[in-house]
Amino acid sequence: MTRLATDGVEGFEADDREVRLEGLTYTIETLATFLEESEIFLILGADAASRLPSWERYEEVLERVTVLVVPRPGTDSTVVAEMLPDAVFLDMAVLEVSGTEIREMARAERPFRFLVTDPVHSYILDNNLYTECD
């Protein structure tokens, strides 16, 4: 779905290396699969960014990537900025919806059409994702 959502968007490239790794993985292990000279941007919602210090070997993650922070409702960006002083905060609208809410809407058969791109919406419906049976 990430590939469907970013297809044709300049500057974005979906990469499936993490899903190809066996078993439980940590971000630092995924980063190890990139060439050392690769420039990597890790895009996180402010809520996830605020929890980054709890990640496995997070200091090494911070050495390897540029963290881009997306505003999220209920998360104080100044607190995140204090924890992650080198992070880049994206100037964009705060989205009042989460992936969890989209999955719940799909499961309840409530409309979520304008919350995802057309290809992702079709993929979710065509593959019966997030139904009671999955």
Protein backbone atom coordinates (compact mmCIF):
# COMPACT_ATOMS: atom_id res chain seq x y z
CA MET A 1 0.00 0.00 0.00
CA THR A 2 2.92 2.34 0.58
CA ARG A 3 4.00 1.78 -3.00
CA LEU A 4 0.46 2.53 -4.21
CA ALA A 5 0.26 5.67 -2.06
CA THR A 6 3.58 7.09 -3.25
CA ASP A 7 3.54 6.01 -6.89
CA GLY A 8 4.13 9.07 -9.03
CA VAL A 9 4.97 11.34 -6.07
CA GLU A 10 8.23 13.08 -6.81
CA GLY A 11 10.92 12.51 -4.20
CA PHE A 12 9.31 9.42 -2.64
CA GLU A 13 10.43 5.85 -3.06
CA ALA A 14 8.72 2.92 -1.37
CA ASP A 15 11.18 0.26 -0.24
CA ASP A 16 10.10 -3.20 0.90
CA ARG A 17 13.36 -4.35 2.47
CA GLU A 18 11.93 -4.30 5.99
CA VAL A 19 9.01 -6.57 5.16
CA ARG A 20 11.43 -8.98 3.47
CA LEU A 21 13.47 -9.39 6.68
CA GLU A 22 12.67 -12.51 8.69
CA GLY A 23 10.98 -12.33 12.08
CA LEU A 24 10.88 -9.41 14.48
CA THR A 25 13.03 -6.56 13.28
CA TYR A 26 14.16 -3.22 14.63
CA THR A 27 14.66 -0.06 12.60
CA ILE A 28 18.41 -0.16 13.24
CA GLU A 29 18.57 -3.60 11.59
CA THR A 30 16.69 -2.32 8.54
CA LEU A 31 19.03 0.66 8.31
CA ALA A 32 21.99 -1.73 8.24
CA THR A 33 20.74 -3.05 4.89
CA PHE A 34 21.30 0.34 3.21
CA LEU A 35 24.64 1.42 1.82
CA GLU A 36 26.55 3.52 4.34
CA GLU A 37 26.53 6.54 2.04
CA SER A 38 22.75 6.43 1.54
CA GLU A 39 20.86 9.52 2.65
CA ILE A 40 17.83 8.29 4.60
CA PHE A 41 14.88 10.31 5.88
CA LEU A 42 12.75 8.73 8.58
CA ILE A 43 9.29 10.29 8.57
CA LEU A 44 7.50 10.00 11.89
CA GLY A 45 4.38 11.49 13.35
CA ALA A 46 5.18 13.64 16.38
CA ASP A 47 3.52 11.02 18.58
CA ALA A 48 5.88 8.29 17.31
CA ALA A 49 8.86 10.65 17.38
CA SER A 50 8.20 11.35 21.06
CA ARG A 51 8.67 7.61 21.73
CA LEU A 52 11.83 7.25 19.64
CA PRO A 53 14.13 7.17 22.72
CA SER A 54 12.43 3.89 23.70
CA TRP A 55 13.45 2.25 20.40
CA GLU A 56 16.13 -0.41 20.22
CA ARG A 57 19.54 1.31 19.76
CA TYR A 58 17.81 4.62 19.00
CA GLU A 59 21.06 6.61 19.28
CA GLU A 60 22.41 4.65 16.31
CA VAL A 61 19.17 5.27 14.41
CA LEU A 62 19.61 9.02 14.97
CA GLU A 63 23.20 8.85 13.70
CA ARG A 64 22.03 7.15 10.49
CA VAL A 65 18.93 9.13 9.47
CA THR A 66 17.45 12.57 9.26
CA VAL A 67 14.23 12.51 11.26
CA LEU A 68 11.32 14.38 9.68
CA VAL A 69 8.48 15.05 12.12
CA VAL A 70 4.87 15.40 11.03
CA PRO A 71 2.57 17.26 13.44
CA ARG A 72 0.03 15.08 15.25
CA PRO A 73 -2.94 16.11 17.37
CA GLY A 74 -2.29 15.98 21.09
CA THR A 75 1.51 15.94 20.80
CA ASP A 76 3.49 18.98 21.87
CA SER A 77 6.13 19.61 19.20
CA THR A 78 8.29 21.60 21.63
CA VAL A 79 8.70 18.49 23.79
CA VAL A 80 9.69 16.47 20.72
CA ALA A 81 12.12 19.21 19.63
CA GLU A 82 13.82 19.08 23.04
CA MET A 83 14.21 15.29 22.77
CA LEU A 84 15.27 15.36 19.11
CA PRO A 85 17.05 18.69 18.54
CA ASP A 86 18.29 17.71 15.05
CA ALA A 87 14.85 16.67 13.80
CA VAL A 88 13.24 18.63 10.98
CA PHE A 89 9.65 19.61 11.67
CA LEU A 90 7.46 19.63 8.57
CA ASP A 91 5.23 22.64 8.13
CA MET A 92 1.98 20.99 7.22
CA ALA A 93 -1.59 20.61 8.37
CA VAL A 94 -2.26 18.49 11.43
CA LEU A 95 -4.20 15.45 10.26
CA GLU A 96 -6.92 14.51 12.71
CA VAL A 97 -7.03 10.90 11.55
CA SER A 98 -4.76 7.95 12.20
CA GLY A 99 -4.08 4.62 10.55
CA THR A 100 -5.90 2.96 13.44
CA GLU A 101 -9.00 5.05 12.72
CA ILE A 102 -8.86 4.21 9.01
CA ARG A 103 -8.64 0.48 9.81
CA GLU A 104 -11.56 0.79 12.25
CA MET A 105 -13.63 2.65 9.66
CA ALA A 106 -12.93 -0.02 7.04
CA ARG A 107 -13.79 -2.76 9.52
CA ALA A 108 -17.09 -1.03 10.39
CA GLU A 109 -17.78 -0.44 6.66
CA ARG A 110 -17.84 3.31 7.23
CA PRO A 111 -16.61 5.52 4.37
CA PHE A 112 -12.91 6.36 4.43
CA ARG A 113 -12.50 7.14 0.73
CA PHE A 114 -11.03 10.63 1.11
CA LEU A 115 -8.59 9.66 3.85
CA VAL A 116 -6.33 7.59 1.57
CA THR A 117 -5.32 7.77 -2.08
CA ASP A 118 -7.59 6.19 -4.70
CA PRO A 119 -5.26 3.21 -5.34
CA VAL A 120 -4.95 2.48 -1.59
CA HIS A 121 -8.71 2.75 -1.11
CA SER A 122 -9.31 0.29 -3.96
CA TYR A 123 -6.63 -2.08 -2.65
CA ILE A 124 -8.19 -2.16 0.83
CA LEU A 125 -11.65 -2.85 -0.58
CA ASP A 126 -10.51 -5.33 -3.26
CA ASN A 127 -8.54 -7.36 -0.72
CA ASN A 128 -11.10 -7.16 2.08
CA LEU A 129 -8.50 -5.75 4.43
CA TYR A 130 -9.39 -4.91 8.03
CA THR A 131 -12.55 -6.97 7.99
CA GLU A 132 -13.68 -8.89 11.07
CA CYS A 133 -12.17 -12.01 9.50
CA ASP A 134 -8.58 -10.76 9.17
